[in-house]
Amino acid sequence: MTTQYTKTAKGLHWLMAVLIFGLLALGTYMQGLPLSPTKLQLYSWHKWAGVTAFVLVLFRLAWRVTHVPPALPASMPMPMQFVAHVGHLALYGLMLAIPISGWLMSSAKGFQTVWFGVLPIPDLLEKNKELGDLLQTVHMSLNLLFAATIIGHVGAALKHHFIDKDDILTRMLPLQSKEI
């Protein structure tokens, strides 16, 4: 069994990491802005990036299902392996749920997403202010949970590297691959 992730898995991981960090930062920043053309442009960029992240996570899941990842170290206790699996399921679940919640929120608020200003994404719901406000709360809450889960994910990787001194972190680093 391999001890490294494939180059494709690593590329998707780091591309998604940069995209998600940008989405979280932009989403946080634009919330406090007064209504203006700049704020509307930032919302458009946020939605474009969110649709892109959703497409990438679908591809990433397809890759993950068809390519077996490296096994966790045999020295890792079973409860810790369980937590690692639950953490990864949470990350994937949130990477799916957050863009869907944003899409639903945009639909309910009456703001259609037009991907990169070219491809209209159909609204999933009729305009409904109360539902839009509720979905905004859901979207923001999911993002807070996602941020906490990411902190746990990064913290666990650093713990494995600096305390446990195993290869959990290094096998996902971009320039460590011996495979395609």
C-alpha atoms as a PDB file:
ATOM      1  CA  MET A   1       0.000   0.000   0.000  1.00  0.00           C
ATOM      2  CA  THR A   2       1.188   3.514  -0.826  1.00  0.00           C
ATOM      3  CA  THR A   3       2.331   5.957   1.824  1.00  0.00           C
ATOM      4  CA  GLN A   4       1.771   9.048  -0.350  1.00  0.00           C
ATOM      5  CA  TYR A   5      -1.302  10.714  -1.811  1.00  0.00           C
ATOM      6  CA  THR A   6      -1.357  11.026  -5.592  1.00  0.00           C
ATOM      7  CA  LYS A   7      -0.249  14.279  -7.215  1.00  0.00           C
ATOM      8  CA  THR A   8      -3.860  14.862  -8.261  1.00  0.00           C
ATOM      9  CA  ALA A   9      -5.142  14.386  -4.694  1.00  0.00           C
ATOM     10  CA  LYS A  10      -2.472  16.750  -3.382  1.00  0.00           C
ATOM     11  CA  GLY A  11      -3.176  19.328  -6.065  1.00  0.00           C
ATOM     12  CA  LEU A  12      -6.898  19.237  -5.328  1.00  0.00           C
ATOM     13  CA  HIS A  13      -6.262  19.432  -1.577  1.00  0.00           C
ATOM     14  CA  TRP A  14      -4.062  22.528  -1.802  1.00  0.00           C
ATOM     15  CA  LEU A  15      -6.129  24.220  -4.514  1.00  0.00           C
ATOM     16  CA  MET A  16      -9.240  23.748  -2.369  1.00  0.00           C
ATOM     17  CA  ALA A  17      -7.367  24.947   0.730  1.00  0.00           C
ATOM     18  CA  VAL A  18      -6.384  28.223  -0.971  1.00  0.00           C
ATOM     19  CA  LEU A  19      -9.865  28.671  -2.477  1.00  0.00           C
ATOM     20  CA  ILE A  20     -11.621  27.963   0.831  1.00  0.00           C
ATOM     21  CA  PHE A  21      -9.318  30.292   2.766  1.00  0.00           C
ATOM     22  CA  GLY A  22     -10.077  33.012   0.219  1.00  0.00           C
ATOM     23  CA  LEU A  23     -13.821  32.347   0.397  1.00  0.00           C
ATOM     24  CA  LEU A  24     -13.830  32.494   4.204  1.00  0.00           C
ATOM     25  CA  ALA A  25     -11.766  35.704   4.226  1.00  0.00           C
ATOM     26  CA  LEU A  26     -13.858  37.378   1.516  1.00  0.00           C
ATOM     27  CA  GLY A  27     -17.130  36.269   3.112  1.00  0.00           C
ATOM     28  CA  THR A  28     -16.060  37.711   6.451  1.00  0.00           C
ATOM     29  CA  TYR A  29     -14.787  40.957   4.933  1.00  0.00           C
ATOM     30  CA  MET A  30     -17.785  41.726   2.731  1.00  0.00           C
ATOM     31  CA  GLN A  31     -20.310  41.274   5.567  1.00  0.00           C
ATOM     32  CA  GLY A  32     -19.319  44.549   7.187  1.00  0.00           C
ATOM     33  CA  LEU A  33     -19.337  46.678   4.058  1.00  0.00           C
ATOM     34  CA  PRO A  34     -22.088  49.201   3.343  1.00  0.00           C
ATOM     35  CA  LEU A  35     -24.215  48.519   0.268  1.00  0.00           C
ATOM     36  CA  SER A  36     -22.254  49.747  -2.748  1.00  0.00           C
ATOM     37  CA  PRO A  37     -21.179  48.623  -6.224  1.00  0.00           C
ATOM     38  CA  THR A  38     -17.960  47.299  -4.638  1.00  0.00           C
ATOM     39  CA  LYS A  39     -19.883  45.160  -2.158  1.00  0.00           C
ATOM     40  CA  LEU A  40     -22.086  43.764  -4.943  1.00  0.00           C
ATOM     41  CA  GLN A  41     -18.976  42.916  -6.995  1.00  0.00           C
ATOM     42  CA  LEU A  42     -17.413  41.160  -3.997  1.00  0.00           C
ATOM     43  CA  TYR A  43     -20.616  39.148  -3.517  1.00  0.00           C
ATOM     44  CA  SER A  44     -20.457  38.123  -7.185  1.00  0.00           C
ATOM     45  CA  TRP A  45     -16.833  37.022  -6.818  1.00  0.00           C
ATOM     46  CA  HIS A  46     -17.693  35.129  -3.636  1.00  0.00           C
ATOM     47  CA  LYS A  47     -20.530  33.318  -5.414  1.00  0.00           C
ATOM     48  CA  TRP A  48     -18.344  32.529  -8.445  1.00  0.00           C
ATOM     49  CA  ALA A  49     -15.645  31.109  -6.186  1.00  0.00           C
ATOM     50  CA  GLY A  50     -18.277  29.167  -4.205  1.00  0.00           C
ATOM     51  CA  VAL A  51     -19.636  27.533  -7.365  1.00  0.00           C
ATOM     52  CA  THR A  52     -16.074  26.729  -8.417  1.00  0.00           C
ATOM     53  CA  ALA A  53     -15.365  25.175  -5.000  1.00  0.00           C
ATOM     54  CA  PHE A  54     -18.539  23.097  -5.295  1.00  0.00           C
ATOM     55  CA  VAL A  55     -17.500  21.773  -8.727  1.00  0.00           C
ATOM     56  CA  LEU A  56     -13.992  21.036  -7.448  1.00  0.00           C
ATOM     57  CA  VAL A  57     -15.252  19.180  -4.379  1.00  0.00           C
ATOM     58  CA  LEU A  58     -17.425  16.994  -6.611  1.00  0.00           C
ATOM     59  CA  PHE A  59     -14.341  16.180  -8.690  1.00  0.00           C
ATOM     60  CA  ARG A  60     -12.319  15.669  -5.518  1.00  0.00           C
ATOM     61  CA  LEU A  61     -14.907  13.251  -4.126  1.00  0.00           C
ATOM     62  CA  ALA A  62     -14.953  11.320  -7.403  1.00  0.00           C
ATOM     63  CA  TRP A  63     -11.153  11.105  -7.258  1.00  0.00           C
ATOM     64  CA  ARG A  64     -11.236  10.040  -3.605  1.00  0.00           C
ATOM     65  CA  VAL A  65     -13.768   7.273  -4.269  1.00  0.00           C
ATOM     66  CA  THR A  66     -11.713   5.872  -7.156  1.00  0.00           C
ATOM     67  CA  HIS A  67      -8.239   6.197  -5.577  1.00  0.00           C
ATOM     68  CA  VAL A  68      -7.458   4.568  -2.234  1.00  0.00           C
ATOM     69  CA  PRO A  69      -5.684   6.966   0.135  1.00  0.00           C
ATOM     70  CA  PRO A  70      -2.692   5.891   2.185  1.00  0.00           C
ATOM     71  CA  ALA A  71      -3.553   3.997   5.350  1.00  0.00           C
ATOM     72  CA  LEU A  72      -3.236   5.740   8.679  1.00  0.00           C
ATOM     73  CA  PRO A  73      -0.144   4.696  10.655  1.00  0.00           C
ATOM     74  CA  ALA A  74      -0.562   1.390  12.465  1.00  0.00           C
ATOM     75  CA  SER A  75       0.777   3.116  15.581  1.00  0.00           C
ATOM     76  CA  MET A  76      -2.235   5.466  15.629  1.00  0.00           C
ATOM     77  CA  PRO A  77      -4.746   4.357  18.302  1.00  0.00           C
ATOM     78  CA  MET A  78      -8.147   3.268  16.977  1.00  0.00           C
ATOM     79  CA  PRO A  79     -10.066   6.101  18.705  1.00  0.00           C
ATOM     80  CA  MET A  80      -7.735   8.621  17.022  1.00  0.00           C
ATOM     81  CA  GLN A  81      -8.265   6.889  13.658  1.00  0.00           C
ATOM     82  CA  PHE A  82     -12.010   7.154  14.207  1.00  0.00           C
ATOM     83  CA  VAL A  83     -11.724  10.885  14.972  1.00  0.00           C
ATOM     84  CA  ALA A  84      -9.589  11.360  11.826  1.00  0.00           C
ATOM     85  CA  HIS A  85     -12.239   9.659   9.677  1.00  0.00           C
ATOM     86  CA  VAL A  86     -15.073  11.654  11.271  1.00  0.00           C
ATOM     87  CA  GLY A  87     -13.082  14.873  10.787  1.00  0.00           C
ATOM     88  CA  HIS A  88     -12.568  14.143   7.090  1.00  0.00           C
ATOM     89  CA  LEU A  89     -16.247  13.279   6.661  1.00  0.00           C
ATOM     90  CA  ALA A  90     -17.130  16.588   8.326  1.00  0.00           C
ATOM     91  CA  LEU A  91     -14.793  18.495   6.003  1.00  0.00           C
ATOM     92  CA  TYR A  92     -16.283  16.874   2.892  1.00  0.00           C
ATOM     93  CA  GLY A  93     -19.835  17.290   4.183  1.00  0.00           C
ATOM     94  CA  LEU A  94     -19.255  20.979   4.878  1.00  0.00           C
ATOM     95  CA  MET A  95     -17.545  21.494   1.506  1.00  0.00           C
ATOM     96  CA  LEU A  96     -20.816  20.275  -0.025  1.00  0.00           C
ATOM     97  CA  ALA A  97     -23.307  21.848   2.382  1.00  0.00           C
ATOM     98  CA  ILE A  98     -21.854  25.365   2.435  1.00  0.00           C
ATOM     99  CA  PRO A  99     -22.086  26.105  -1.300  1.00  0.00           C
ATOM    100  CA  ILE A 100     -25.547  24.526  -1.406  1.00  0.00           C
ATOM    101  CA  SER A 101     -26.666  26.685   1.519  1.00  0.00           C
ATOM    102  CA  GLY A 102     -25.261  29.754  -0.232  1.00  0.00           C
ATOM    103  CA  TRP A 103     -27.054  28.831  -3.457  1.00  0.00           C
ATOM    104  CA  LEU A 104     -30.329  28.332  -1.592  1.00  0.00           C
ATOM    105  CA  MET A 105     -29.826  31.618   0.291  1.00  0.00           C
ATOM    106  CA  SER A 106     -29.135  33.544  -2.930  1.00  0.00           C
ATOM    107  CA  SER A 107     -32.205  32.008  -4.526  1.00  0.00           C
ATOM    108  CA  ALA A 108     -34.461  32.852  -1.578  1.00  0.00           C
ATOM    109  CA  LYS A 109     -33.095  36.401  -1.422  1.00  0.00           C
ATOM    110  CA  GLY A 110     -33.832  36.856  -5.134  1.00  0.00           C
ATOM    111  CA  PHE A 111     -30.208  37.185  -6.325  1.00  0.00           C
ATOM    112  CA  GLN A 112     -29.432  34.723  -9.102  1.00  0.00           C
ATOM    113  CA  THR A 113     -25.840  33.547  -9.440  1.00  0.00           C
ATOM    114  CA  VAL A 114     -24.313  34.010 -12.869  1.00  0.00           C
ATOM    115  CA  TRP A 115     -21.068  32.019 -12.836  1.00  0.00           C
ATOM    116  CA  PHE A 116     -18.235  34.311 -13.985  1.00  0.00           C
ATOM    117  CA  GLY A 117     -20.903  36.634 -15.365  1.00  0.00           C
ATOM    118  CA  VAL A 118     -21.613  34.169 -18.198  1.00  0.00           C
ATOM    119  CA  LEU A 119     -23.441  31.037 -17.021  1.00  0.00           C
ATOM    120  CA  PRO A 120     -26.713  31.623 -15.128  1.00  0.00           C
ATOM    121  CA  ILE A 121     -27.182  29.114 -12.317  1.00  0.00           C
ATOM    122  CA  PRO A 122     -30.892  28.375 -11.862  1.00  0.00           C
ATOM    123  CA  ASP A 123     -32.522  29.501  -8.650  1.00  0.00           C
ATOM    124  CA  LEU A 124     -33.603  26.600  -6.462  1.00  0.00           C
ATOM    125  CA  LEU A 125     -36.216  28.521  -4.475  1.00  0.00           C
ATOM    126  CA  GLU A 126     -38.726  31.279  -5.018  1.00  0.00           C
ATOM    127  CA  LYS A 127     -37.911  34.654  -3.484  1.00  0.00           C
ATOM    128  CA  ASN A 128     -38.823  34.589   0.212  1.00  0.00           C
ATOM    129  CA  LYS A 129     -37.257  37.109   2.604  1.00  0.00           C
ATOM    130  CA  GLU A 130     -37.858  35.128   5.808  1.00  0.00           C
ATOM    131  CA  LEU A 131     -36.435  31.942   4.300  1.00  0.00           C
ATOM    132  CA  GLY A 132     -33.519  33.916   2.834  1.00  0.00           C
ATOM    133  CA  ASP A 133     -32.705  35.355   6.261  1.00  0.00           C
ATOM    134  CA  LEU A 134     -32.892  31.891   7.842  1.00  0.00           C
ATOM    135  CA  LEU A 135     -30.634  30.446   5.127  1.00  0.00           C
ATOM    136  CA  GLN A 136     -28.175  33.291   5.681  1.00  0.00           C
ATOM    137  CA  THR A 137     -27.939  32.237   9.342  1.00  0.00           C
ATOM    138  CA  VAL A 138     -27.492  28.602   8.266  1.00  0.00           C
ATOM    139  CA  HIS A 139     -24.781  29.578   5.758  1.00  0.00           C
ATOM    140  CA  MET A 140     -22.901  31.658   8.335  1.00  0.00           C
ATOM    141  CA  SER A 141     -23.226  28.957  11.017  1.00  0.00           C
ATOM    142  CA  LEU A 142     -21.933  26.257   8.659  1.00  0.00           C
ATOM    143  CA  ASN A 143     -18.961  28.471   7.840  1.00  0.00           C
ATOM    144  CA  LEU A 144     -18.159  28.948  11.532  1.00  0.00           C
ATOM    145  CA  LEU A 145     -18.330  25.173  12.018  1.00  0.00           C
ATOM    146  CA  PHE A 146     -16.140  24.733   8.923  1.00  0.00           C
ATOM    147  CA  ALA A 147     -13.538  27.177  10.267  1.00  0.00           C
ATOM    148  CA  ALA A 148     -13.439  25.273  13.565  1.00  0.00           C
ATOM    149  CA  THR A 149     -13.120  21.952  11.725  1.00  0.00           C
ATOM    150  CA  ILE A 150     -10.287  23.332   9.573  1.00  0.00           C
ATOM    151  CA  ILE A 151      -8.475  24.534  12.699  1.00  0.00           C
ATOM    152  CA  GLY A 152      -8.812  21.030  14.126  1.00  0.00           C
ATOM    153  CA  HIS A 153      -7.590  19.504  10.847  1.00  0.00           C
ATOM    154  CA  VAL A 154      -4.519  21.748  10.665  1.00  0.00           C
ATOM    155  CA  GLY A 155      -3.848  21.302  14.385  1.00  0.00           C
ATOM    156  CA  ALA A 156      -3.979  17.520  14.045  1.00  0.00           C
ATOM    157  CA  ALA A 157      -1.596  17.580  11.055  1.00  0.00           C
ATOM    158  CA  LEU A 158       0.871  19.752  12.998  1.00  0.00           C
ATOM    159  CA  LYS A 159       0.578  17.497  16.063  1.00  0.00           C
ATOM    160  CA  HIS A 160       1.379  14.472  13.924  1.00  0.00           C
ATOM    161  CA  HIS A 161       4.401  16.213  12.436  1.00  0.00           C
ATOM    162  CA  PHE A 162       5.922  17.876  15.499  1.00  0.00           C
ATOM    163  CA  ILE A 163       4.822  15.641  18.390  1.00  0.00           C
ATOM    164  CA  ASP A 164       4.100  12.190  16.940  1.00  0.00           C
ATOM    165  CA  LYS A 165       6.808  12.607  14.274  1.00  0.00           C
ATOM    166  CA  ASP A 166       4.928  10.466  11.743  1.00  0.00           C
ATOM    167  CA  ASP A 167       4.335  11.065   8.028  1.00  0.00           C
ATOM    168  CA  ILE A 168       0.688  12.233   8.179  1.00  0.00           C
ATOM    169  CA  LEU A 169       1.597  15.810   7.193  1.00  0.00           C
ATOM    170  CA  THR A 170       4.471  15.137   4.798  1.00  0.00           C
ATOM    171  CA  ARG A 171       2.538  12.679   2.653  1.00  0.00           C
ATOM    172  CA  MET A 172       0.131  15.489   1.690  1.00  0.00           C
ATOM    173  CA  LEU A 173       2.801  18.131   1.031  1.00  0.00           C
ATOM    174  CA  PRO A 174       2.914  19.157  -2.659  1.00  0.00           C
ATOM    175  CA  LEU A 175       6.536  18.284  -3.456  1.00  0.00           C
ATOM    176  CA  GLN A 176       6.721  14.976  -1.591  1.00  0.00           C
ATOM    177  CA  SER A 177       5.100  12.704  -4.170  1.00  0.00           C
ATOM    178  CA  LYS A 178       6.654   9.724  -5.887  1.00  0.00           C
ATOM    179  CA  GLU A 179       3.408   8.890  -7.669  1.00  0.00           C
ATOM    180  CA  ILE A 180       1.237  10.280 -10.453  1.00  0.00           C
END
